[in-house]
Amino acid sequence: MSILVQLLVFGITGSLIYYGVFYGTPLLIKKGVPLIYSFWFFLWFPVMCLFPLSLLLYHLEGNAWTWQNILERFRFSPLTENDWYWVVGAIVFTIIF
């Protein structure tokens, strides 16, 4: 994937997060949506859209559409018990701070 496509994909995502957090969140708060829901929606919805987009771009690059190739391409590997401690610790740290 070219650098221009990467900048476009992540630039759009970053812009959506920025405008959502600074403009969309206050708008939803005025409409009665609690802060925690409106903030997390605008923070994570654009990021969650990147995974299906990455699968689409993977397919458009002409790669074989098999589970083994997808696992290899995205470097999915099972998490060890120690890795799960880091994941849970990072989530707790993020929520607290």
N, C-alpha and C. Protein backbone atom coordinates (compact mmCIF):
# COMPACT_ATOMS: atom_id res chain seq x y z
N MET A 1 0.86 -1.17 0.00
CA MET A 1 0.00 0.00 0.00
C MET A 1 0.91 1.23 0.00
N SER A 2 0.57 2.19 -0.82
CA SER A 2 1.42 3.37 -0.93
C SER A 2 1.29 4.27 0.30
N ILE A 3 2.28 5.11 0.49
CA ILE A 3 2.27 6.02 1.63
C ILE A 3 1.11 7.00 1.54
N LEU A 4 0.71 7.36 0.33
CA LEU A 4 -0.41 8.28 0.15
C LEU A 4 -1.72 7.66 0.65
N VAL A 5 -1.94 6.38 0.34
CA VAL A 5 -3.15 5.69 0.81
C VAL A 5 -3.13 5.57 2.33
N GLN A 6 -1.96 5.27 2.89
CA GLN A 6 -1.84 5.16 4.35
C GLN A 6 -2.14 6.49 5.01
N LEU A 7 -1.58 7.57 4.48
CA LEU A 7 -1.85 8.90 5.05
C LEU A 7 -3.32 9.24 4.92
N LEU A 8 -3.93 8.88 3.83
CA LEU A 8 -5.35 9.15 3.63
C LEU A 8 -6.20 8.38 4.63
N VAL A 9 -5.94 7.09 4.78
CA VAL A 9 -6.73 6.26 5.70
C VAL A 9 -6.59 6.74 7.13
N PHE A 10 -5.37 6.94 7.60
CA PHE A 10 -5.17 7.33 8.98
C PHE A 10 -5.45 8.82 9.20
N GLY A 11 -5.29 9.63 8.16
CA GLY A 11 -5.66 11.04 8.27
C GLY A 11 -7.15 11.22 8.43
N ILE A 12 -7.93 10.46 7.68
CA ILE A 12 -9.39 10.53 7.82
C ILE A 12 -9.81 10.04 9.20
N THR A 13 -9.22 8.93 9.64
CA THR A 13 -9.56 8.41 10.97
C THR A 13 -9.19 9.41 12.06
N GLY A 14 -8.00 9.97 11.98
CA GLY A 14 -7.58 10.96 12.98
C GLY A 14 -8.47 12.19 12.97
N SER A 15 -8.87 12.63 11.80
CA SER A 15 -9.75 13.80 11.70
C SER A 15 -11.12 13.50 12.30
N LEU A 16 -11.64 12.30 12.03
CA LEU A 16 -12.93 11.93 12.61
C LEU A 16 -12.87 11.89 14.14
N ILE A 17 -11.78 11.35 14.66
CA ILE A 17 -11.62 11.31 16.12
C ILE A 17 -11.53 12.73 16.67
N TYR A 18 -10.72 13.56 16.06
CA TYR A 18 -10.54 14.93 16.54
C TYR A 18 -11.86 15.69 16.55
N TYR A 19 -12.54 15.71 15.41
CA TYR A 19 -13.79 16.47 15.33
C TYR A 19 -14.90 15.84 16.17
N GLY A 20 -14.88 14.52 16.28
CA GLY A 20 -15.87 13.86 17.12
C GLY A 20 -15.70 14.20 18.58
N VAL A 21 -14.45 14.16 19.05
CA VAL A 21 -14.20 14.44 20.47
C VAL A 21 -14.45 15.91 20.80
N PHE A 22 -14.01 16.82 19.94
CA PHE A 22 -14.11 18.23 20.27
C PHE A 22 -15.41 18.89 19.85
N TYR A 23 -16.11 18.32 18.85
CA TYR A 23 -17.36 18.94 18.40
C TYR A 23 -18.56 18.01 18.56
N GLY A 24 -18.38 16.73 18.26
CA GLY A 24 -19.49 15.78 18.35
C GLY A 24 -19.89 15.46 19.78
N THR A 25 -18.90 15.30 20.66
CA THR A 25 -19.19 14.98 22.05
C THR A 25 -20.03 16.07 22.72
N PRO A 26 -19.64 17.35 22.63
CA PRO A 26 -20.50 18.39 23.23
C PRO A 26 -21.90 18.43 22.62
N LEU A 27 -22.00 18.13 21.33
CA LEU A 27 -23.31 18.13 20.68
C LEU A 27 -24.20 17.03 21.25
N LEU A 28 -23.63 15.84 21.43
CA LEU A 28 -24.43 14.75 22.00
C LEU A 28 -24.76 15.01 23.47
N ILE A 29 -23.86 15.65 24.20
CA ILE A 29 -24.14 15.99 25.60
C ILE A 29 -25.33 16.95 25.68
N LYS A 30 -25.38 17.93 24.77
CA LYS A 30 -26.52 18.85 24.74
C LYS A 30 -27.83 18.13 24.43
N LYS A 31 -27.74 17.01 23.70
CA LYS A 31 -28.93 16.25 23.37
C LYS A 31 -29.30 15.24 24.46
N GLY A 32 -28.53 15.22 25.54
CA GLY A 32 -28.87 14.37 26.67
C GLY A 32 -28.12 13.05 26.78
N VAL A 33 -27.16 12.81 25.89
CA VAL A 33 -26.37 11.57 25.96
C VAL A 33 -25.29 11.77 27.02
N PRO A 34 -25.12 10.81 27.93
CA PRO A 34 -24.08 10.95 28.95
C PRO A 34 -22.69 11.07 28.33
N LEU A 35 -21.82 11.80 29.01
CA LEU A 35 -20.46 12.05 28.53
C LEU A 35 -19.70 10.77 28.23
N ILE A 36 -19.80 9.79 29.10
CA ILE A 36 -19.02 8.57 28.93
C ILE A 36 -19.37 7.87 27.62
N TYR A 37 -20.64 7.87 27.23
CA TYR A 37 -21.04 7.20 25.99
C TYR A 37 -20.66 8.01 24.76
N SER A 38 -20.90 9.30 24.80
CA SER A 38 -20.60 10.12 23.62
C SER A 38 -19.09 10.20 23.37
N PHE A 39 -18.30 10.35 24.43
CA PHE A 39 -16.85 10.42 24.27
C PHE A 39 -16.30 9.12 23.71
N TRP A 40 -16.66 8.00 24.31
CA TRP A 40 -16.12 6.72 23.86
C TRP A 40 -16.60 6.37 22.47
N PHE A 41 -17.82 6.78 22.09
CA PHE A 41 -18.30 6.53 20.74
C PHE A 41 -17.42 7.24 19.72
N PHE A 42 -17.19 8.54 19.92
CA PHE A 42 -16.40 9.29 18.96
C PHE A 42 -14.92 8.93 19.01
N LEU A 43 -14.47 8.39 20.11
CA LEU A 43 -13.07 7.98 20.22
C LEU A 43 -12.82 6.64 19.53
N TRP A 44 -13.72 5.68 19.70
CA TRP A 44 -13.44 4.33 19.24
C TRP A 44 -14.14 3.92 17.96
N PHE A 45 -15.25 4.54 17.59
CA PHE A 45 -15.94 4.12 16.37
C PHE A 45 -15.07 4.25 15.12
N PRO A 46 -14.37 5.38 14.91
CA PRO A 46 -13.50 5.45 13.72
C PRO A 46 -12.37 4.41 13.76
N VAL A 47 -11.87 4.11 14.93
CA VAL A 47 -10.79 3.13 15.04
C VAL A 47 -11.32 1.73 14.72
N MET A 48 -12.53 1.41 15.19
CA MET A 48 -13.11 0.10 14.91
C MET A 48 -13.42 -0.08 13.43
N CYS A 49 -13.63 1.01 12.73
CA CYS A 49 -13.89 0.92 11.29
C CYS A 49 -12.63 0.58 10.50
N LEU A 50 -11.46 0.74 11.11
CA LEU A 50 -10.21 0.43 10.40
C LEU A 50 -10.03 -1.06 10.14
N PHE A 51 -10.54 -1.92 11.02
CA PHE A 51 -10.34 -3.36 10.81
C PHE A 51 -11.06 -3.87 9.56
N PRO A 52 -12.38 -3.59 9.39
CA PRO A 52 -13.01 -4.02 8.14
C PRO A 52 -12.38 -3.35 6.92
N LEU A 53 -11.95 -2.11 7.06
CA LEU A 53 -11.29 -1.43 5.95
C LEU A 53 -9.97 -2.11 5.61
N SER A 54 -9.23 -2.54 6.63
CA SER A 54 -7.97 -3.22 6.36
C SER A 54 -8.21 -4.56 5.66
N LEU A 55 -9.29 -5.26 6.02
CA LEU A 55 -9.62 -6.50 5.31
C LEU A 55 -9.98 -6.24 3.86
N LEU A 56 -10.72 -5.17 3.62
CA LEU A 56 -11.09 -4.80 2.25
C LEU A 56 -9.84 -4.46 1.43
N LEU A 57 -8.96 -3.64 2.00
CA LEU A 57 -7.74 -3.28 1.29
C LEU A 57 -6.83 -4.49 1.06
N TYR A 58 -6.80 -5.40 2.01
CA TYR A 58 -6.05 -6.66 1.85
C TYR A 58 -6.57 -7.42 0.64
N HIS A 59 -7.88 -7.50 0.51
CA HIS A 59 -8.49 -8.21 -0.61
C HIS A 59 -8.23 -7.48 -1.93
N LEU A 60 -8.30 -6.15 -1.91
CA LEU A 60 -8.09 -5.38 -3.13
C LEU A 60 -6.65 -5.42 -3.62
N GLU A 61 -5.71 -5.73 -2.73
CA GLU A 61 -4.31 -5.87 -3.13
C GLU A 61 -4.08 -7.16 -3.89
N GLY A 62 -5.08 -8.02 -3.97
CA GLY A 62 -4.98 -9.26 -4.73
C GLY A 62 -4.50 -10.45 -3.92
N ASN A 63 -4.56 -10.35 -2.60
CA ASN A 63 -4.13 -11.46 -1.76
C ASN A 63 -5.21 -12.53 -1.69
N ALA A 64 -4.79 -13.78 -1.46
CA ALA A 64 -5.72 -14.89 -1.35
C ALA A 64 -6.59 -14.72 -0.11
N TRP A 65 -7.85 -15.04 -0.25
CA TRP A 65 -8.83 -14.80 0.81
C TRP A 65 -9.00 -16.08 1.63
N THR A 66 -7.91 -16.50 2.29
CA THR A 66 -7.96 -17.67 3.17
C THR A 66 -7.61 -17.24 4.59
N TRP A 67 -8.11 -18.01 5.55
CA TRP A 67 -7.88 -17.68 6.95
C TRP A 67 -6.39 -17.73 7.29
N GLN A 68 -5.67 -18.69 6.75
CA GLN A 68 -4.23 -18.81 7.03
C GLN A 68 -3.47 -17.59 6.51
N ASN A 69 -3.80 -17.13 5.31
CA ASN A 69 -3.13 -15.95 4.75
C ASN A 69 -3.45 -14.69 5.54
N ILE A 70 -4.69 -14.58 6.01
CA ILE A 70 -5.07 -13.40 6.81
C ILE A 70 -4.31 -13.41 8.13
N LEU A 71 -4.23 -14.57 8.77
CA LEU A 71 -3.47 -14.67 10.03
C LEU A 71 -2.01 -14.30 9.82
N GLU A 72 -1.44 -14.75 8.72
CA GLU A 72 -0.04 -14.45 8.42
C GLU A 72 0.16 -12.97 8.10
N ARG A 73 -0.74 -12.41 7.30
CA ARG A 73 -0.62 -11.01 6.88
C ARG A 73 -0.72 -10.04 8.05
N PHE A 74 -1.70 -10.27 8.93
CA PHE A 74 -1.92 -9.37 10.05
C PHE A 74 -1.14 -9.78 11.30
N ARG A 75 -0.35 -10.84 11.16
CA ARG A 75 0.53 -11.32 12.24
C ARG A 75 -0.25 -11.62 13.53
N PHE A 76 -1.42 -12.25 13.36
CA PHE A 76 -2.19 -12.67 14.53
C PHE A 76 -1.51 -13.89 15.13
N SER A 77 -1.29 -13.85 16.43
CA SER A 77 -0.74 -15.00 17.12
C SER A 77 -1.42 -15.08 18.48
N PRO A 78 -1.50 -16.28 19.02
CA PRO A 78 -2.17 -16.42 20.33
C PRO A 78 -1.42 -15.64 21.41
N LEU A 79 -2.19 -15.04 22.33
CA LEU A 79 -1.59 -14.31 23.44
C LEU A 79 -1.25 -15.28 24.56
N THR A 80 -0.09 -15.09 25.15
CA THR A 80 0.29 -15.90 26.30
C THR A 80 -0.39 -15.34 27.54
N GLU A 81 -0.29 -16.08 28.63
CA GLU A 81 -0.89 -15.62 29.88
C GLU A 81 -0.27 -14.29 30.33
N ASN A 82 1.03 -14.15 30.16
CA ASN A 82 1.71 -12.92 30.52
C ASN A 82 1.23 -11.74 29.66
N ASP A 83 0.98 -12.00 28.37
CA ASP A 83 0.45 -10.96 27.49
C ASP A 83 -0.91 -10.47 27.96
N TRP A 84 -1.76 -11.39 28.41
CA TRP A 84 -3.09 -11.00 28.89
C TRP A 84 -2.99 -10.10 30.12
N TYR A 85 -2.01 -10.35 30.99
CA TYR A 85 -1.81 -9.46 32.14
C TYR A 85 -1.48 -8.04 31.67
N TRP A 86 -0.64 -7.94 30.64
CA TRP A 86 -0.30 -6.63 30.10
C TRP A 86 -1.52 -5.94 29.49
N VAL A 87 -2.34 -6.70 28.79
CA VAL A 87 -3.54 -6.14 28.16
C VAL A 87 -4.50 -5.60 29.22
N VAL A 88 -4.79 -6.43 30.22
CA VAL A 88 -5.71 -6.00 31.28
C VAL A 88 -5.12 -4.81 32.05
N GLY A 89 -3.83 -4.86 32.33
CA GLY A 89 -3.18 -3.74 33.03
C GLY A 89 -3.24 -2.46 32.22
N ALA A 90 -3.03 -2.55 30.92
CA ALA A 90 -3.09 -1.36 30.07
C ALA A 90 -4.50 -0.78 30.02
N ILE A 91 -5.51 -1.66 29.96
CA ILE A 91 -6.90 -1.17 29.94
C ILE A 91 -7.23 -0.47 31.24
N VAL A 92 -6.87 -1.06 32.36
CA VAL A 92 -7.13 -0.44 33.67
C VAL A 92 -6.38 0.88 33.79
N PHE A 93 -5.13 0.89 33.37
CA PHE A 93 -4.34 2.13 33.42
C PHE A 93 -4.98 3.23 32.56
N THR A 94 -5.45 2.84 31.37
CA THR A 94 -6.07 3.82 30.46
C THR A 94 -7.36 4.38 31.07
N ILE A 95 -8.17 3.52 31.65
CA ILE A 95 -9.45 3.98 32.22
C ILE A 95 -9.19 4.91 33.40
N ILE A 96 -8.22 4.56 34.24
CA ILE A 96 -7.95 5.38 35.44
C ILE A 96 -7.36 6.73 35.06
N PHE A 97 -6.41 6.74 34.14
CA PHE A 97 -5.73 7.99 33.81
C PHE A 97 -6.27 8.63 32.56
